[in-house]
Amino acid sequence: TELSADYRFQPDSGWGYEFGVDYRRSRFSDLEIPRNEDLWSVQAGLTRTVFDVWTLLIEYRYADNDSNDPTFSYDRNVLTAGMLRTF
């Protein structure tokens, strides 16, 4: 089961932004030791069009996976910076 919401605004020039939130519930009942997990994640980013066909992207993502098996519980932080080319 998964629920997701995203919003993105990218003007023709200047800075754009995006924001998203996701929730996923997983049930692994066929395993030898059944497991349930709840994964929450959020992401936020800034974009800027440069040179007409290139986009600068700076994005941060955070995820928290909660499992009844501690081996599969984790937090994750990801920071991304890059350039994208549009066609």
PDB file of N, CA and C in Angstrom:
ATOM      1  N   THR A   1       0.846  -1.169   0.000  1.00  0.00           N
ATOM      2  CA  THR A   1       0.000   0.000   0.000  1.00  0.00           C
ATOM      3  C   THR A   1       0.888   1.227   0.000  1.00  0.00           C
ATOM      4  N   GLU A   2       0.615   2.167  -0.903  1.00  0.00           N
ATOM      5  CA  GLU A   2       1.460   3.356  -0.983  1.00  0.00           C
ATOM      6  C   GLU A   2       0.605   4.586  -1.274  1.00  0.00           C
ATOM      7  N   LEU A   3       0.993   5.700  -0.654  1.00  0.00           N
ATOM      8  CA  LEU A   3       0.346   6.985  -0.866  1.00  0.00           C
ATOM      9  C   LEU A   3       1.437   8.015  -1.105  1.00  0.00           C
ATOM     10  N   SER A   4       1.249   8.860  -2.120  1.00  0.00           N
ATOM     11  CA  SER A   4       2.285   9.812  -2.490  1.00  0.00           C
ATOM     12  C   SER A   4       1.652  11.128  -2.910  1.00  0.00           C
ATOM     13  N   ALA A   5       2.317  12.241  -2.571  1.00  0.00           N
ATOM     14  CA  ALA A   5       1.872  13.564  -3.019  1.00  0.00           C
ATOM     15  C   ALA A   5       3.108  14.368  -3.397  1.00  0.00           C
ATOM     16  N   ASP A   6       3.052  15.016  -4.550  1.00  0.00           N
ATOM     17  CA  ASP A   6       4.176  15.816  -5.042  1.00  0.00           C
ATOM     18  C   ASP A   6       3.657  17.143  -5.568  1.00  0.00           C
ATOM     19  N   TYR A   7       4.467  18.177  -5.403  1.00  0.00           N
ATOM     20  CA  TYR A   7       4.165  19.481  -5.992  1.00  0.00           C
ATOM     21  C   TYR A   7       5.438  20.009  -6.625  1.00  0.00           C
ATOM     22  N   ARG A   8       5.329  20.524  -7.840  1.00  0.00           N
ATOM     23  CA  ARG A   8       6.492  21.045  -8.548  1.00  0.00           C
ATOM     24  C   ARG A   8       6.098  22.333  -9.260  1.00  0.00           C
ATOM     25  N   PHE A   9       6.955  23.351  -9.141  1.00  0.00           N
ATOM     26  CA  PHE A   9       6.759  24.613  -9.839  1.00  0.00           C
ATOM     27  C   PHE A   9       8.072  24.967 -10.517  1.00  0.00           C
ATOM     28  N   GLN A  10       8.045  25.093 -11.843  1.00  0.00           N
ATOM     29  CA  GLN A  10       9.248  25.433 -12.596  1.00  0.00           C
ATOM     30  C   GLN A  10       8.895  26.549 -13.578  1.00  0.00           C
ATOM     31  N   PRO A  11       9.245  27.783 -13.252  1.00  0.00           N
ATOM     32  CA  PRO A  11       8.962  28.882 -14.190  1.00  0.00           C
ATOM     33  C   PRO A  11       9.911  28.824 -15.391  1.00  0.00           C
ATOM     34  N   ASP A  12       9.629  29.645 -16.407  1.00  0.00           N
ATOM     35  CA  ASP A  12      10.487  29.689 -17.595  1.00  0.00           C
ATOM     36  C   ASP A  12      11.888  30.181 -17.267  1.00  0.00           C
ATOM     37  N   SER A  13      12.012  31.045 -16.284  1.00  0.00           N
ATOM     38  CA  SER A  13      13.325  31.513 -15.839  1.00  0.00           C
ATOM     39  C   SER A  13      13.275  31.695 -14.324  1.00  0.00           C
ATOM     40  N   GLY A  14      14.424  31.713 -13.706  1.00  0.00           N
ATOM     41  CA  GLY A  14      14.473  31.854 -12.252  1.00  0.00           C
ATOM     42  C   GLY A  14      14.431  30.511 -11.547  1.00  0.00           C
ATOM     43  N   TRP A  15      14.276  30.576 -10.250  1.00  0.00           N
ATOM     44  CA  TRP A  15      14.292  29.374  -9.419  1.00  0.00           C
ATOM     45  C   TRP A  15      12.928  28.707  -9.383  1.00  0.00           C
ATOM     46  N   GLY A  16      12.931  27.387  -9.456  1.00  0.00           N
ATOM     47  CA  GLY A  16      11.734  26.584  -9.263  1.00  0.00           C
ATOM     48  C   GLY A  16      11.937  25.734  -8.023  1.00  0.00           C
ATOM     49  N   TYR A  17      10.904  25.043  -7.612  1.00  0.00           N
ATOM     50  CA  TYR A  17      11.017  24.195  -6.429  1.00  0.00           C
ATOM     51  C   TYR A  17      10.094  22.994  -6.560  1.00  0.00           C
ATOM     52  N   GLU A  18      10.398  21.995  -5.766  1.00  0.00           N
ATOM     53  CA  GLU A  18       9.554  20.806  -5.715  1.00  0.00           C
ATOM     54  C   GLU A  18       9.549  20.262  -4.296  1.00  0.00           C
ATOM     55  N   PHE A  19       8.457  19.622  -3.943  1.00  0.00           N
ATOM     56  CA  PHE A  19       8.292  19.052  -2.622  1.00  0.00           C
ATOM     57  C   PHE A  19       7.446  17.796  -2.752  1.00  0.00           C
ATOM     58  N   GLY A  20       7.785  16.779  -1.995  1.00  0.00           N
ATOM     59  CA  GLY A  20       7.002  15.555  -2.042  1.00  0.00           C
ATOM     60  C   GLY A  20       7.045  14.804  -0.718  1.00  0.00           C
ATOM     61  N   VAL A  21       6.029  14.020  -0.490  1.00  0.00           N
ATOM     62  CA  VAL A  21       5.963  13.171   0.689  1.00  0.00           C
ATOM     63  C   VAL A  21       5.373  11.824   0.253  1.00  0.00           C
ATOM     64  N   ASP A  22       5.909  10.744   0.796  1.00  0.00           N
ATOM     65  CA  ASP A  22       5.465   9.394   0.444  1.00  0.00           C
ATOM     66  C   ASP A  22       5.300   8.560   1.712  1.00  0.00           C
ATOM     67  N   TYR A  23       4.319   7.660   1.674  1.00  0.00           N
ATOM     68  CA  TYR A  23       4.138   6.676   2.736  1.00  0.00           C
ATOM     69  C   TYR A  23       3.905   5.327   2.076  1.00  0.00           C
ATOM     70  N   ARG A  24       4.597   4.305   2.568  1.00  0.00           N
ATOM     71  CA  ARG A  24       4.404   2.951   2.037  1.00  0.00           C
ATOM     72  C   ARG A  24       4.328   1.974   3.204  1.00  0.00           C
ATOM     73  N   ARG A  25       3.313   1.132   3.189  1.00  0.00           N
ATOM     74  CA  ARG A  25       3.182   0.053   4.188  1.00  0.00           C
ATOM     75  C   ARG A  25       3.374  -1.262   3.447  1.00  0.00           C
ATOM     76  N   SER A  26       4.326  -2.063   3.942  1.00  0.00           N
ATOM     77  CA  SER A  26       4.629  -3.352   3.308  1.00  0.00           C
ATOM     78  C   SER A  26       4.404  -4.471   4.313  1.00  0.00           C
ATOM     79  N   ARG A  27       3.840  -5.566   3.818  1.00  0.00           N
ATOM     80  CA  ARG A  27       3.634  -6.762   4.641  1.00  0.00           C
ATOM     81  C   ARG A  27       4.285  -7.932   3.914  1.00  0.00           C
ATOM     82  N   PHE A  28       5.250  -8.538   4.575  1.00  0.00           N
ATOM     83  CA  PHE A  28       5.951  -9.687   4.007  1.00  0.00           C
ATOM     84  C   PHE A  28       5.503 -10.925   4.776  1.00  0.00           C
ATOM     85  N   SER A  29       4.308 -11.407   4.480  1.00  0.00           N
ATOM     86  CA  SER A  29       3.716 -12.507   5.242  1.00  0.00           C
ATOM     87  C   SER A  29       4.189 -13.880   4.780  1.00  0.00           C
ATOM     88  N   ASP A  30       4.813 -13.977   3.601  1.00  0.00           N
ATOM     89  CA  ASP A  30       5.265 -15.274   3.084  1.00  0.00           C
ATOM     90  C   ASP A  30       6.662 -15.657   3.563  1.00  0.00           C
ATOM     91  N   LEU A  31       7.310 -14.784   4.322  1.00  0.00           N
ATOM     92  CA  LEU A  31       8.648 -15.086   4.819  1.00  0.00           C
ATOM     93  C   LEU A  31       8.596 -16.065   5.984  1.00  0.00           C
ATOM     94  N   GLU A  32       9.718 -16.688   6.268  1.00  0.00           N
ATOM     95  CA  GLU A  32       9.793 -17.599   7.409  1.00  0.00           C
ATOM     96  C   GLU A  32       9.442 -16.857   8.702  1.00  0.00           C
ATOM     97  N   ILE A  33       9.948 -15.640   8.821  1.00  0.00           N
ATOM     98  CA  ILE A  33       9.567 -14.759   9.930  1.00  0.00           C
ATOM     99  C   ILE A  33       8.860 -13.561   9.300  1.00  0.00           C
ATOM    100  N   PRO A  34       7.522 -13.507   9.361  1.00  0.00           N
ATOM    101  CA  PRO A  34       6.783 -12.417   8.723  1.00  0.00           C
ATOM    102  C   PRO A  34       7.247 -11.051   9.240  1.00  0.00           C
ATOM    103  N   ARG A  35       7.167 -10.061   8.342  1.00  0.00           N
ATOM    104  CA  ARG A  35       7.661  -8.726   8.678  1.00  0.00           C
ATOM    105  C   ARG A  35       6.697  -7.668   8.133  1.00  0.00           C
ATOM    106  N   ASN A  36       6.501  -6.595   8.919  1.00  0.00           N
ATOM    107  CA  ASN A  36       5.733  -5.428   8.492  1.00  0.00           C
ATOM    108  C   ASN A  36       6.649  -4.209   8.533  1.00  0.00           C
ATOM    109  N   GLU A  37       6.480  -3.321   7.549  1.00  0.00           N
ATOM    110  CA  GLU A  37       7.304  -2.117   7.496  1.00  0.00           C
ATOM    111  C   GLU A  37       6.456  -0.909   7.133  1.00  0.00           C
ATOM    112  N   ASP A  38       6.789   0.222   7.736  1.00  0.00           N
ATOM    113  CA  ASP A  38       6.203   1.516   7.395  1.00  0.00           C
ATOM    114  C   ASP A  38       7.342   2.428   6.966  1.00  0.00           C
ATOM    115  N   LEU A  39       7.284   2.911   5.725  1.00  0.00           N
ATOM    116  CA  LEU A  39       8.321   3.781   5.183  1.00  0.00           C
ATOM    117  C   LEU A  39       7.728   5.160   4.912  1.00  0.00           C
ATOM    118  N   TRP A  40       8.292   6.166   5.579  1.00  0.00           N
ATOM    119  CA  TRP A  40       7.947   7.567   5.342  1.00  0.00           C
ATOM    120  C   TRP A  40       9.123   8.218   4.654  1.00  0.00           C
ATOM    121  N   SER A  41       8.877   9.033   3.649  1.00  0.00           N
ATOM    122  CA  SER A  41       9.962   9.790   3.026  1.00  0.00           C
ATOM    123  C   SER A  41       9.450  11.160   2.597  1.00  0.00           C
ATOM    124  N   VAL A  42      10.344  12.127   2.656  1.00  0.00           N
ATOM    125  CA  VAL A  42      10.051  13.484   2.184  1.00  0.00           C
ATOM    126  C   VAL A  42      11.225  13.936   1.327  1.00  0.00           C
ATOM    127  N   GLN A  43      10.936  14.778   0.358  1.00  0.00           N
ATOM    128  CA  GLN A  43      11.983  15.338  -0.473  1.00  0.00           C
ATOM    129  C   GLN A  43      11.639  16.789  -0.802  1.00  0.00           C
ATOM    130  N   ALA A  44      12.690  17.594  -0.901  1.00  0.00           N
ATOM    131  CA  ALA A  44      12.538  18.996  -1.260  1.00  0.00           C
ATOM    132  C   ALA A  44      13.699  19.355  -2.178  1.00  0.00           C
ATOM    133  N   GLY A  45      13.416  20.164  -3.178  1.00  0.00           N
ATOM    134  CA  GLY A  45      14.468  20.507  -4.120  1.00  0.00           C
ATOM    135  C   GLY A  45      14.290  21.889  -4.716  1.00  0.00           C
ATOM    136  N   LEU A  46      15.399  22.435  -5.172  1.00  0.00           N
ATOM    137  CA  LEU A  46      15.417  23.696  -5.906  1.00  0.00           C
ATOM    138  C   LEU A  46      15.956  23.428  -7.299  1.00  0.00           C
ATOM    139  N   THR A  47      15.362  24.082  -8.293  1.00  0.00           N
ATOM    140  CA  THR A  47      15.826  23.937  -9.666  1.00  0.00           C
ATOM    141  C   THR A  47      15.964  25.333 -10.285  1.00  0.00           C
ATOM    142  N   ARG A  48      16.853  25.434 -11.240  1.00  0.00           N
ATOM    143  CA  ARG A  48      16.999  26.685 -11.981  1.00  0.00           C
ATOM    144  C   ARG A  48      17.426  26.347 -13.404  1.00  0.00           C
ATOM    145  N   THR A  49      16.681  26.867 -14.379  1.00  0.00           N
ATOM    146  CA  THR A  49      17.026  26.661 -15.776  1.00  0.00           C
ATOM    147  C   THR A  49      18.178  27.596 -16.133  1.00  0.00           C
ATOM    148  N   VAL A  50      19.221  27.007 -16.736  1.00  0.00           N
ATOM    149  CA  VAL A  50      20.379  27.781 -17.187  1.00  0.00           C
ATOM    150  C   VAL A  50      20.692  27.370 -18.626  1.00  0.00           C
ATOM    151  N   PHE A  51      21.148  28.282 -19.423  1.00  0.00           N
ATOM    152  CA  PHE A  51      21.519  28.006 -20.812  1.00  0.00           C
ATOM    153  C   PHE A  51      20.382  27.368 -21.609  1.00  0.00           C
ATOM    154  N   ASP A  52      19.162  27.726 -21.344  1.00  0.00           N
ATOM    155  CA  ASP A  52      17.946  27.302 -22.070  1.00  0.00           C
ATOM    156  C   ASP A  52      17.602  25.820 -21.974  1.00  0.00           C
ATOM    157  N   VAL A  53      18.580  24.913 -22.064  1.00  0.00           N
ATOM    158  CA  VAL A  53      18.262  23.478 -22.074  1.00  0.00           C
ATOM    159  C   VAL A  53      18.845  22.734 -20.874  1.00  0.00           C
ATOM    160  N   TRP A  54      19.543  23.418 -19.993  1.00  0.00           N
ATOM    161  CA  TRP A  54      20.143  22.791 -18.827  1.00  0.00           C
ATOM    162  C   TRP A  54      19.420  23.255 -17.567  1.00  0.00           C
ATOM    163  N   THR A  55      19.260  22.333 -16.611  1.00  0.00           N
ATOM    164  CA  THR A  55      18.617  22.648 -15.346  1.00  0.00           C
ATOM    165  C   THR A  55      19.541  22.244 -14.204  1.00  0.00           C
ATOM    166  N   LEU A  56      19.801  23.182 -13.320  1.00  0.00           N
ATOM    167  CA  LEU A  56      20.556  22.920 -12.096  1.00  0.00           C
ATOM    168  C   LEU A  56      19.586  22.360 -11.069  1.00  0.00           C
ATOM    169  N   LEU A  57      19.976  21.298 -10.380  1.00  0.00           N
ATOM    170  CA  LEU A  57      19.115  20.660  -9.382  1.00  0.00           C
ATOM    171  C   LEU A  57      19.881  20.498  -8.078  1.00  0.00           C
ATOM    172  N   ILE A  58      19.250  20.915  -6.989  1.00  0.00           N
ATOM    173  CA  ILE A  58      19.748  20.654  -5.631  1.00  0.00           C
ATOM    174  C   ILE A  58      18.575  20.043  -4.880  1.00  0.00           C
ATOM    175  N   GLU A  59      18.763  18.831  -4.353  1.00  0.00           N
ATOM    176  CA  GLU A  59      17.648  18.104  -3.738  1.00  0.00           C
ATOM    177  C   GLU A  59      18.085  17.413  -2.450  1.00  0.00           C
ATOM    178  N   TYR A  60      17.188  17.421  -1.472  1.00  0.00           N
ATOM    179  CA  TYR A  60      17.404  16.709  -0.211  1.00  0.00           C
ATOM    180  C   TYR A  60      16.269  15.710  -0.030  1.00  0.00           C
ATOM    181  N   ARG A  61      16.631  14.483   0.363  1.00  0.00           N
ATOM    182  CA  ARG A  61      15.635  13.434   0.639  1.00  0.00           C
ATOM    183  C   ARG A  61      15.901  12.814   2.009  1.00  0.00           C
ATOM    184  N   TYR A  62      14.826  12.575   2.740  1.00  0.00           N
ATOM    185  CA  TYR A  62      14.917  11.908   4.035  1.00  0.00           C
ATOM    186  C   TYR A  62      13.935  10.746   4.028  1.00  0.00           C
ATOM    187  N   ALA A  63      14.356   9.604   4.561  1.00  0.00           N
ATOM    188  CA  ALA A  63      13.474   8.434   4.650  1.00  0.00           C
ATOM    189  C   ALA A  63      13.635   7.786   6.022  1.00  0.00           C
ATOM    190  N   ASP A  64      12.532   7.283   6.545  1.00  0.00           N
ATOM    191  CA  ASP A  64      12.516   6.570   7.828  1.00  0.00           C
ATOM    192  C   ASP A  64      11.724   5.284   7.622  1.00  0.00           C
ATOM    193  N   ASN A  65      12.399   4.152   7.684  1.00  0.00           N
ATOM    194  CA  ASN A  65      11.749   2.854   7.530  1.00  0.00           C
ATOM    195  C   ASN A  65      11.660   2.192   8.899  1.00  0.00           C
ATOM    196  N   ASP A  66      10.442   1.935   9.346  1.00  0.00           N
ATOM    197  CA  ASP A  66      10.203   1.308  10.649  1.00  0.00           C
ATOM    198  C   ASP A  66       9.711  -0.119  10.409  1.00  0.00           C
ATOM    199  N   SER A  67      10.433  -1.093  10.948  1.00  0.00           N
ATOM    200  CA  SER A  67      10.105  -2.498  10.734  1.00  0.00           C
ATOM    201  C   SER A  67      10.017  -3.209  12.079  1.00  0.00           C
ATOM    202  N   ASN A  68       9.174  -4.255  12.139  1.00  0.00           N
ATOM    203  CA  ASN A  68       9.126  -5.039  13.374  1.00  0.00           C
ATOM    204  C   ASN A  68      10.370  -5.923  13.516  1.00  0.00           C
ATOM    205  N   ASP A  69      11.194  -6.005  12.476  1.00  0.00           N
ATOM    206  CA  ASP A  69      12.507  -6.651  12.539  1.00  0.00           C
ATOM    207  C   ASP A  69      13.553  -5.533  12.500  1.00  0.00           C
ATOM    208  N   PRO A  70      14.263  -5.290  13.612  1.00  0.00           N
ATOM    209  CA  PRO A  70      15.204  -4.173  13.690  1.00  0.00           C
ATOM    210  C   PRO A  70      16.270  -4.161  12.590  1.00  0.00           C
ATOM    211  N   THR A  71      16.559  -5.306  11.992  1.00  0.00           N
ATOM    212  CA  THR A  71      17.534  -5.371  10.907  1.00  0.00           C
ATOM    213  C   THR A  71      17.120  -4.488   9.734  1.00  0.00           C
ATOM    214  N   PHE A  72      15.813  -4.309   9.528  1.00  0.00           N
ATOM    215  CA  PHE A  72      15.294  -3.567   8.385  1.00  0.00           C
ATOM    216  C   PHE A  72      14.792  -2.169   8.748  1.00  0.00           C
ATOM    217  N   SER A  73      15.060  -1.713   9.969  1.00  0.00           N
ATOM    218  CA  SER A  73      14.719  -0.347  10.362  1.00  0.00           C
ATOM    219  C   SER A  73      15.906   0.563  10.079  1.00  0.00           C
ATOM    220  N   TYR A  74      15.643   1.714   9.462  1.00  0.00           N
ATOM    221  CA  TYR A  74      16.740   2.625   9.127  1.00  0.00           C
ATOM    222  C   TYR A  74      16.214   4.032   8.885  1.00  0.00           C
ATOM    223  N   ASP A  75      17.120   4.992   8.965  1.00  0.00           N
ATOM    224  CA  ASP A  75      16.910   6.369   8.522  1.00  0.00           C
ATOM    225  C   ASP A  75      17.898   6.609   7.389  1.00  0.00           C
ATOM    226  N   ARG A  76      17.504   7.441   6.421  1.00  0.00           N
ATOM    227  CA  ARG A  76      18.405   7.723   5.303  1.00  0.00           C
ATOM    228  C   ARG A  76      18.315   9.210   4.966  1.00  0.00           C
ATOM    229  N   ASN A  77      19.463   9.830   4.743  1.00  0.00           N
ATOM    230  CA  ASN A  77      19.565  11.219   4.308  1.00  0.00           C
ATOM    231  C   ASN A  77      20.358  11.241   3.006  1.00  0.00           C
ATOM    232  N   VAL A  78      19.828  11.918   1.979  1.00  0.00           N
ATOM    233  CA  VAL A  78      20.518  12.002   0.690  1.00  0.00           C
ATOM    234  C   VAL A  78      20.467  13.447   0.208  1.00  0.00           C
ATOM    235  N   LEU A  79      21.622  13.993  -0.115  1.00  0.00           N
ATOM    236  CA  LEU A  79      21.721  15.320  -0.700  1.00  0.00           C
ATOM    237  C   LEU A  79      22.275  15.155  -2.116  1.00  0.00           C
ATOM    238  N   THR A  80      21.576  15.707  -3.107  1.00  0.00           N
ATOM    239  CA  THR A  80      21.964  15.564  -4.502  1.00  0.00           C
ATOM    240  C   THR A  80      22.121  16.945  -5.132  1.00  0.00           C
ATOM    241  N   ALA A  81      23.176  17.108  -5.909  1.00  0.00           N
ATOM    242  CA  ALA A  81      23.369  18.319  -6.702  1.00  0.00           C
ATOM    243  C   ALA A  81      23.797  17.876  -8.092  1.00  0.00           C
ATOM    244  N   GLY A  82      23.220  18.455  -9.110  1.00  0.00           N
ATOM    245  CA  GLY A  82      23.589  18.043 -10.448  1.00  0.00           C
ATOM    246  C   GLY A  82      22.981  18.937 -11.514  1.00  0.00           C
ATOM    247  N   MET A  83      23.276  18.589 -12.742  1.00  0.00           N
ATOM    248  CA  MET A  83      22.752  19.287 -13.901  1.00  0.00           C
ATOM    249  C   MET A  83      21.966  18.304 -14.761  1.00  0.00           C
ATOM    250  N   LEU A  84      20.809  18.720 -15.255  1.00  0.00           N
ATOM    251  CA  LEU A  84      19.974  17.917 -16.134  1.00  0.00           C
ATOM    252  C   LEU A  84      19.836  18.628 -17.474  1.00  0.00           C
ATOM    253  N   ARG A  85      19.845  17.878 -18.549  1.00  0.00           N
ATOM    254  CA  ARG A  85      19.631  18.463 -19.871  1.00  0.00           C
ATOM    255  C   ARG A  85      18.268  18.038 -20.385  1.00  0.00           C
ATOM    256  N   THR A  86      17.495  18.999 -20.856  1.00  0.00           N
ATOM    257  CA  THR A  86      16.184  18.699 -21.397  1.00  0.00           C
ATOM    258  C   THR A  86      16.257  18.575 -22.915  1.00  0.00           C
ATOM    259  N   PHE A  87      15.401  17.724 -23.482  1.00  0.00           N
ATOM    260  CA  PHE A  87      15.374  17.497 -24.932  1.00  0.00           C
ATOM    261  C   PHE A  87      14.027  17.898 -25.481  1.00  0.00           C
TER     262      PHE A  87
END
